[in-house]
N, C-alpha and C. Protein backbone atom coordinates (compact mmCIF):
# COMPACT_ATOMS: atom_id res chain seq x y z
N MET A 1 13.33 7.49 7.23
CA MET A 1 11.89 7.51 6.97
C MET A 1 11.46 8.77 6.23
N ASN A 2 12.25 9.81 6.33
CA ASN A 2 11.82 11.10 5.79
C ASN A 2 11.62 11.10 4.29
N ASP A 3 12.21 10.15 3.59
CA ASP A 3 12.03 10.14 2.14
C ASP A 3 11.07 9.05 1.68
N TRP A 4 10.44 8.34 2.61
CA TRP A 4 9.47 7.31 2.23
C TRP A 4 8.19 7.99 1.75
N LYS A 5 7.70 7.54 0.59
CA LYS A 5 6.43 8.05 0.06
C LYS A 5 5.43 6.90 -0.01
N VAL A 6 4.26 7.14 0.60
CA VAL A 6 3.24 6.10 0.71
C VAL A 6 1.92 6.62 0.15
N LEU A 7 1.22 5.77 -0.57
CA LEU A 7 -0.16 6.04 -0.96
C LEU A 7 -1.04 5.09 -0.17
N LEU A 8 -1.91 5.65 0.64
CA LEU A 8 -2.82 4.89 1.48
C LEU A 8 -4.19 4.88 0.80
N VAL A 9 -4.70 3.68 0.52
CA VAL A 9 -5.97 3.52 -0.20
C VAL A 9 -6.94 2.74 0.67
N ASP A 10 -8.00 3.41 1.13
CA ASP A 10 -9.01 2.76 1.96
C ASP A 10 -10.30 3.55 1.86
N ASP A 11 -11.42 2.85 1.68
CA ASP A 11 -12.71 3.53 1.56
C ASP A 11 -13.23 4.03 2.90
N GLU A 12 -12.66 3.57 3.99
CA GLU A 12 -13.05 4.06 5.32
C GLU A 12 -12.29 5.37 5.57
N ARG A 13 -12.91 6.48 5.21
CA ARG A 13 -12.25 7.79 5.20
C ARG A 13 -11.62 8.14 6.56
N ASP A 14 -12.35 7.97 7.65
CA ASP A 14 -11.82 8.32 8.97
C ASP A 14 -10.59 7.48 9.31
N PHE A 15 -10.66 6.20 9.02
CA PHE A 15 -9.52 5.31 9.26
C PHE A 15 -8.32 5.77 8.45
N ALA A 16 -8.54 6.03 7.16
CA ALA A 16 -7.44 6.42 6.28
C ALA A 16 -6.80 7.73 6.72
N LEU A 17 -7.62 8.72 7.06
CA LEU A 17 -7.08 10.01 7.47
C LEU A 17 -6.33 9.93 8.79
N THR A 18 -6.86 9.14 9.72
CA THR A 18 -6.17 8.96 11.00
C THR A 18 -4.84 8.24 10.80
N LEU A 19 -4.85 7.20 10.01
CA LEU A 19 -3.62 6.45 9.75
C LEU A 19 -2.61 7.33 9.02
N ALA A 20 -3.07 8.11 8.05
CA ALA A 20 -2.17 9.02 7.33
C ALA A 20 -1.54 10.03 8.28
N GLU A 21 -2.33 10.54 9.20
CA GLU A 21 -1.81 11.50 10.18
C GLU A 21 -0.75 10.85 11.06
N ARG A 22 -1.03 9.65 11.52
CA ARG A 22 -0.07 8.95 12.39
C ARG A 22 1.22 8.62 11.66
N LEU A 23 1.14 8.24 10.40
CA LEU A 23 2.34 7.99 9.61
C LEU A 23 3.09 9.30 9.37
N GLY A 24 2.36 10.35 9.07
CA GLY A 24 2.97 11.66 8.83
C GLY A 24 3.72 12.17 10.05
N MET A 25 3.18 11.90 11.25
CA MET A 25 3.84 12.31 12.48
C MET A 25 5.18 11.61 12.65
N ARG A 26 5.37 10.51 11.95
CA ARG A 26 6.63 9.76 12.01
C ARG A 26 7.53 10.08 10.82
N GLY A 27 7.21 11.13 10.09
CA GLY A 27 8.07 11.59 9.01
C GLY A 27 7.85 10.92 7.67
N ILE A 28 6.78 10.16 7.54
CA ILE A 28 6.50 9.49 6.27
C ILE A 28 5.59 10.39 5.44
N LYS A 29 5.93 10.57 4.17
CA LYS A 29 5.09 11.37 3.27
C LYS A 29 3.94 10.49 2.81
N VAL A 30 2.70 10.92 3.08
CA VAL A 30 1.52 10.10 2.79
C VAL A 30 0.52 10.88 1.95
N ASN A 31 0.00 10.22 0.95
CA ASN A 31 -1.13 10.72 0.19
C ASN A 31 -2.24 9.69 0.35
N THR A 32 -3.49 10.12 0.29
CA THR A 32 -4.61 9.20 0.49
C THR A 32 -5.54 9.17 -0.72
N ALA A 33 -6.14 8.03 -0.92
CA ALA A 33 -7.20 7.85 -1.90
C ALA A 33 -8.28 7.01 -1.23
N PHE A 34 -9.53 7.28 -1.55
CA PHE A 34 -10.64 6.63 -0.87
C PHE A 34 -11.40 5.64 -1.76
N SER A 35 -10.83 5.33 -2.91
CA SER A 35 -11.39 4.31 -3.80
C SER A 35 -10.26 3.82 -4.71
N GLY A 36 -10.50 2.66 -5.29
CA GLY A 36 -9.52 2.11 -6.21
C GLY A 36 -9.28 3.00 -7.41
N GLN A 37 -10.35 3.54 -7.98
CA GLN A 37 -10.20 4.39 -9.16
C GLN A 37 -9.46 5.68 -8.81
N GLU A 38 -9.77 6.25 -7.65
CA GLU A 38 -9.06 7.46 -7.21
C GLU A 38 -7.56 7.17 -7.06
N ALA A 39 -7.23 6.01 -6.55
CA ALA A 39 -5.82 5.63 -6.39
C ALA A 39 -5.13 5.53 -7.75
N LEU A 40 -5.78 4.86 -8.70
CA LEU A 40 -5.18 4.72 -10.02
C LEU A 40 -5.03 6.07 -10.71
N ASP A 41 -6.01 6.96 -10.54
CA ASP A 41 -5.91 8.31 -11.11
C ASP A 41 -4.74 9.06 -10.49
N LEU A 42 -4.58 8.93 -9.19
CA LEU A 42 -3.51 9.63 -8.47
C LEU A 42 -2.14 9.13 -8.89
N LEU A 43 -2.02 7.85 -9.21
CA LEU A 43 -0.74 7.28 -9.62
C LEU A 43 -0.21 7.87 -10.92
N GLU A 44 -1.08 8.52 -11.69
CA GLU A 44 -0.61 9.17 -12.92
C GLU A 44 0.32 10.33 -12.63
N THR A 45 0.19 10.93 -11.43
CA THR A 45 1.03 12.08 -11.07
C THR A 45 1.83 11.88 -9.80
N TYR A 46 1.48 10.94 -8.97
CA TYR A 46 2.14 10.71 -7.68
C TYR A 46 2.70 9.29 -7.68
N GLN A 47 4.01 9.18 -7.57
CA GLN A 47 4.65 7.88 -7.60
C GLN A 47 5.20 7.52 -6.22
N PRO A 48 4.43 6.79 -5.42
CA PRO A 48 4.90 6.40 -4.09
C PRO A 48 5.89 5.24 -4.17
N ASP A 49 6.60 5.04 -3.08
CA ASP A 49 7.44 3.85 -2.95
C ASP A 49 6.55 2.65 -2.64
N VAL A 50 5.53 2.91 -1.80
CA VAL A 50 4.68 1.84 -1.28
C VAL A 50 3.22 2.28 -1.33
N MET A 51 2.36 1.35 -1.71
CA MET A 51 0.92 1.56 -1.63
C MET A 51 0.40 0.64 -0.53
N VAL A 52 -0.35 1.22 0.41
CA VAL A 52 -1.03 0.45 1.44
C VAL A 52 -2.49 0.38 1.00
N LEU A 53 -2.96 -0.80 0.66
CA LEU A 53 -4.21 -0.97 -0.08
C LEU A 53 -5.19 -1.87 0.65
N ASP A 54 -6.37 -1.33 0.94
CA ASP A 54 -7.44 -2.12 1.53
C ASP A 54 -7.99 -3.08 0.47
N LEU A 55 -8.19 -4.32 0.84
CA LEU A 55 -8.72 -5.31 -0.10
C LEU A 55 -10.22 -5.16 -0.33
N MET A 56 -10.97 -4.85 0.72
CA MET A 56 -12.43 -4.83 0.64
C MET A 56 -12.93 -3.40 0.47
N MET A 57 -13.17 -3.00 -0.77
CA MET A 57 -13.70 -1.68 -1.05
C MET A 57 -14.86 -1.82 -2.03
N PRO A 58 -15.85 -0.95 -1.92
CA PRO A 58 -16.94 -0.99 -2.90
C PRO A 58 -16.42 -0.53 -4.26
N GLY A 59 -17.12 -0.93 -5.29
CA GLY A 59 -16.67 -0.55 -6.64
C GLY A 59 -15.51 -1.44 -7.04
N MET A 60 -14.37 -0.82 -7.23
CA MET A 60 -13.17 -1.56 -7.62
C MET A 60 -12.51 -2.15 -6.37
N SER A 61 -12.38 -3.46 -6.33
CA SER A 61 -11.79 -4.11 -5.16
C SER A 61 -10.29 -3.88 -5.11
N GLY A 62 -9.72 -4.11 -3.94
CA GLY A 62 -8.28 -4.02 -3.80
C GLY A 62 -7.55 -5.02 -4.68
N SER A 63 -8.12 -6.19 -4.89
CA SER A 63 -7.50 -7.19 -5.76
C SER A 63 -7.38 -6.68 -7.18
N THR A 64 -8.42 -6.00 -7.65
CA THR A 64 -8.40 -5.43 -9.00
C THR A 64 -7.35 -4.32 -9.09
N VAL A 65 -7.31 -3.47 -8.06
CA VAL A 65 -6.31 -2.39 -8.03
C VAL A 65 -4.91 -3.00 -8.05
N LEU A 66 -4.69 -4.03 -7.26
CA LEU A 66 -3.38 -4.69 -7.22
C LEU A 66 -2.97 -5.17 -8.60
N ARG A 67 -3.86 -5.84 -9.30
CA ARG A 67 -3.53 -6.34 -10.66
C ARG A 67 -3.16 -5.19 -11.59
N LYS A 68 -3.91 -4.10 -11.51
CA LYS A 68 -3.62 -2.95 -12.39
C LYS A 68 -2.29 -2.30 -12.02
N VAL A 69 -2.02 -2.16 -10.73
CA VAL A 69 -0.76 -1.56 -10.29
C VAL A 69 0.42 -2.44 -10.72
N ARG A 70 0.29 -3.75 -10.56
CA ARG A 70 1.38 -4.66 -10.96
C ARG A 70 1.67 -4.49 -12.45
N GLY A 71 0.63 -4.30 -13.26
CA GLY A 71 0.83 -4.16 -14.70
C GLY A 71 1.37 -2.80 -15.11
N LEU A 72 0.87 -1.74 -14.48
CA LEU A 72 1.24 -0.38 -14.89
C LEU A 72 2.44 0.19 -14.14
N TYR A 73 2.59 -0.17 -12.88
CA TYR A 73 3.62 0.41 -12.02
C TYR A 73 4.32 -0.70 -11.23
N PRO A 74 5.07 -1.55 -11.89
CA PRO A 74 5.65 -2.72 -11.22
C PRO A 74 6.65 -2.38 -10.12
N ASN A 75 7.18 -1.16 -10.09
CA ASN A 75 8.16 -0.80 -9.05
C ASN A 75 7.52 -0.39 -7.73
N ILE A 76 6.21 -0.17 -7.72
CA ILE A 76 5.54 0.21 -6.48
C ILE A 76 5.25 -1.06 -5.68
N GLU A 77 5.74 -1.09 -4.45
CA GLU A 77 5.45 -2.23 -3.57
C GLU A 77 4.06 -2.02 -2.96
N VAL A 78 3.30 -3.09 -2.82
CA VAL A 78 1.93 -3.01 -2.31
C VAL A 78 1.80 -3.85 -1.05
N ILE A 79 1.32 -3.20 0.02
CA ILE A 79 0.99 -3.89 1.26
C ILE A 79 -0.53 -3.89 1.37
N LEU A 80 -1.10 -5.06 1.48
CA LEU A 80 -2.55 -5.19 1.54
C LEU A 80 -3.04 -5.12 2.98
N LEU A 81 -4.23 -4.53 3.15
CA LEU A 81 -4.92 -4.52 4.44
C LEU A 81 -6.21 -5.29 4.28
N THR A 82 -6.48 -6.16 5.23
CA THR A 82 -7.74 -6.87 5.21
C THR A 82 -8.36 -6.86 6.60
N GLY A 83 -9.65 -6.68 6.64
CA GLY A 83 -10.37 -6.70 7.90
C GLY A 83 -10.83 -8.10 8.26
N LEU A 84 -10.57 -9.05 7.40
CA LEU A 84 -11.01 -10.42 7.63
C LEU A 84 -10.14 -11.09 8.67
N SER A 85 -10.76 -11.90 9.50
CA SER A 85 -9.97 -12.63 10.49
C SER A 85 -9.13 -13.72 9.82
N SER A 86 -9.59 -14.18 8.66
CA SER A 86 -8.84 -15.17 7.90
C SER A 86 -7.75 -14.47 7.09
N THR A 87 -6.61 -15.07 7.00
CA THR A 87 -5.53 -14.48 6.23
C THR A 87 -5.49 -15.01 4.79
N ALA A 88 -6.45 -15.82 4.41
CA ALA A 88 -6.43 -16.43 3.08
C ALA A 88 -6.44 -15.38 1.97
N GLU A 89 -7.26 -14.35 2.11
CA GLU A 89 -7.33 -13.35 1.05
C GLU A 89 -6.03 -12.55 0.95
N GLY A 90 -5.44 -12.23 2.09
CA GLY A 90 -4.15 -11.55 2.08
C GLY A 90 -3.07 -12.39 1.46
N ALA A 91 -3.04 -13.67 1.80
CA ALA A 91 -2.06 -14.58 1.23
C ALA A 91 -2.26 -14.71 -0.27
N SER A 92 -3.51 -14.72 -0.70
CA SER A 92 -3.81 -14.77 -2.13
C SER A 92 -3.27 -13.52 -2.83
N GLY A 93 -3.40 -12.37 -2.19
CA GLY A 93 -2.87 -11.13 -2.76
C GLY A 93 -1.36 -11.16 -2.88
N VAL A 94 -0.69 -11.76 -1.90
CA VAL A 94 0.77 -11.89 -1.97
C VAL A 94 1.15 -12.76 -3.16
N SER A 95 0.38 -13.82 -3.40
CA SER A 95 0.68 -14.68 -4.54
C SER A 95 0.44 -13.96 -5.87
N GLN A 96 -0.35 -12.87 -5.83
CA GLN A 96 -0.61 -12.07 -7.04
C GLN A 96 0.34 -10.89 -7.17
N GLY A 97 1.35 -10.82 -6.30
CA GLY A 97 2.37 -9.79 -6.47
C GLY A 97 2.44 -8.74 -5.38
N ALA A 98 1.60 -8.83 -4.35
CA ALA A 98 1.71 -7.88 -3.24
C ALA A 98 2.97 -8.20 -2.44
N PHE A 99 3.54 -7.18 -1.81
CA PHE A 99 4.73 -7.39 -0.97
C PHE A 99 4.37 -8.18 0.27
N ASP A 100 3.27 -7.80 0.92
CA ASP A 100 2.85 -8.46 2.15
C ASP A 100 1.43 -8.01 2.48
N PHE A 101 0.91 -8.46 3.61
CA PHE A 101 -0.42 -8.03 4.04
C PHE A 101 -0.46 -7.94 5.55
N LEU A 102 -1.39 -7.13 6.04
CA LEU A 102 -1.67 -6.99 7.46
C LEU A 102 -3.17 -7.06 7.67
N THR A 103 -3.59 -7.54 8.84
CA THR A 103 -5.01 -7.56 9.14
C THR A 103 -5.37 -6.39 10.05
N LYS A 104 -6.60 -5.91 9.87
CA LYS A 104 -7.13 -4.86 10.72
C LYS A 104 -7.79 -5.52 11.93
N PRO A 105 -7.78 -4.91 13.06
CA PRO A 105 -7.10 -3.64 13.36
C PRO A 105 -5.59 -3.88 13.38
N LEU A 106 -4.85 -2.87 12.95
CA LEU A 106 -3.41 -3.06 12.84
C LEU A 106 -2.68 -2.20 13.86
N GLN A 107 -1.48 -2.63 14.15
CA GLN A 107 -0.59 -1.88 15.03
C GLN A 107 0.27 -0.98 14.14
N ILE A 108 0.33 0.30 14.43
CA ILE A 108 1.06 1.26 13.61
C ILE A 108 2.52 0.86 13.45
N GLU A 109 3.14 0.35 14.51
CA GLU A 109 4.55 -0.04 14.42
C GLU A 109 4.75 -1.21 13.46
N ASN A 110 3.80 -2.14 13.41
CA ASN A 110 3.88 -3.24 12.44
C ASN A 110 3.80 -2.72 11.01
N LEU A 111 2.91 -1.76 10.78
CA LEU A 111 2.78 -1.18 9.45
C LEU A 111 4.06 -0.44 9.06
N ILE A 112 4.61 0.34 9.96
CA ILE A 112 5.84 1.08 9.66
C ILE A 112 6.98 0.11 9.36
N GLU A 113 7.06 -0.97 10.11
CA GLU A 113 8.09 -1.98 9.84
C GLU A 113 7.92 -2.56 8.43
N LYS A 114 6.69 -2.90 8.06
CA LYS A 114 6.43 -3.47 6.72
C LYS A 114 6.75 -2.46 5.63
N ILE A 115 6.38 -1.20 5.86
CA ILE A 115 6.69 -0.15 4.87
C ILE A 115 8.21 -0.05 4.69
N GLY A 116 8.95 -0.06 5.80
CA GLY A 116 10.41 0.01 5.72
C GLY A 116 10.99 -1.15 4.94
N LEU A 117 10.51 -2.36 5.19
CA LEU A 117 10.97 -3.53 4.45
C LEU A 117 10.66 -3.41 2.96
N ALA A 118 9.46 -2.91 2.65
CA ALA A 118 9.06 -2.75 1.26
C ALA A 118 9.91 -1.69 0.55
N VAL A 119 10.21 -0.59 1.24
CA VAL A 119 11.06 0.46 0.66
C VAL A 119 12.45 -0.11 0.39
N ARG A 120 12.99 -0.86 1.34
CA ARG A 120 14.33 -1.45 1.13
C ARG A 120 14.32 -2.45 -0.04
N LYS A 121 13.26 -3.23 -0.16
CA LYS A 121 13.17 -4.16 -1.28
C LYS A 121 13.12 -3.40 -2.60
N ARG A 122 12.33 -2.35 -2.64
CA ARG A 122 12.22 -1.55 -3.87
C ARG A 122 13.59 -0.96 -4.23
N SER A 123 14.30 -0.43 -3.23
CA SER A 123 15.62 0.15 -3.47
C SER A 123 16.59 -0.90 -3.99
N ALA A 124 16.55 -2.08 -3.38
CA ALA A 124 17.44 -3.17 -3.83
C ALA A 124 17.09 -3.60 -5.24
N ASP A 125 15.80 -3.70 -5.55
CA ASP A 125 15.37 -4.09 -6.91
C ASP A 125 15.84 -3.06 -7.92
N GLU A 126 15.68 -1.77 -7.59
CA GLU A 126 16.09 -0.72 -8.51
C GLU A 126 17.61 -0.72 -8.70
N ALA A 127 18.36 -0.95 -7.63
CA ALA A 127 19.82 -1.02 -7.73
C ALA A 127 20.24 -2.18 -8.63
N GLY A 128 19.54 -3.30 -8.51
CA GLY A 128 19.83 -4.46 -9.34
C GLY A 128 19.53 -4.21 -10.81
N GLN A 129 18.51 -3.42 -11.10
CA GLN A 129 18.14 -3.12 -12.48
C GLN A 129 19.13 -2.17 -13.14
N GLU A 130 19.80 -1.33 -12.32
CA GLU A 130 20.74 -0.36 -12.88
C GLU A 130 22.05 -0.99 -13.29
N LYS A 131 22.33 -2.20 -12.81
CA LYS A 131 23.60 -2.86 -13.16
C LYS A 131 23.60 -3.39 -14.54
């Protein structure tokens, strides 16, 4: 876990900072952004393995951020977060290229498991590209 790099994107500042702290306590390197545009700006200099992205944000939605990330940074795996009780929006995001999705409130261990799976997928994809 010590080499996992995550970008956490959520407009709920307290939630994002608390989640970042909890992930950091488990040895995961975390950077935070509180809007879609801030996340895209940060990606110009910070290349995470995984982006954990809230779908429902004011301004630029998570769906828009996902489309831009898929186009500009296809190697970054994206895990979507949704506060909706319905999983339809999360499933729609997966069909648009997200690795997976979780609903809020989330269990930290579930998120860490998903991040680990996404990091392994990214590593396998990169290994396949090098051949």
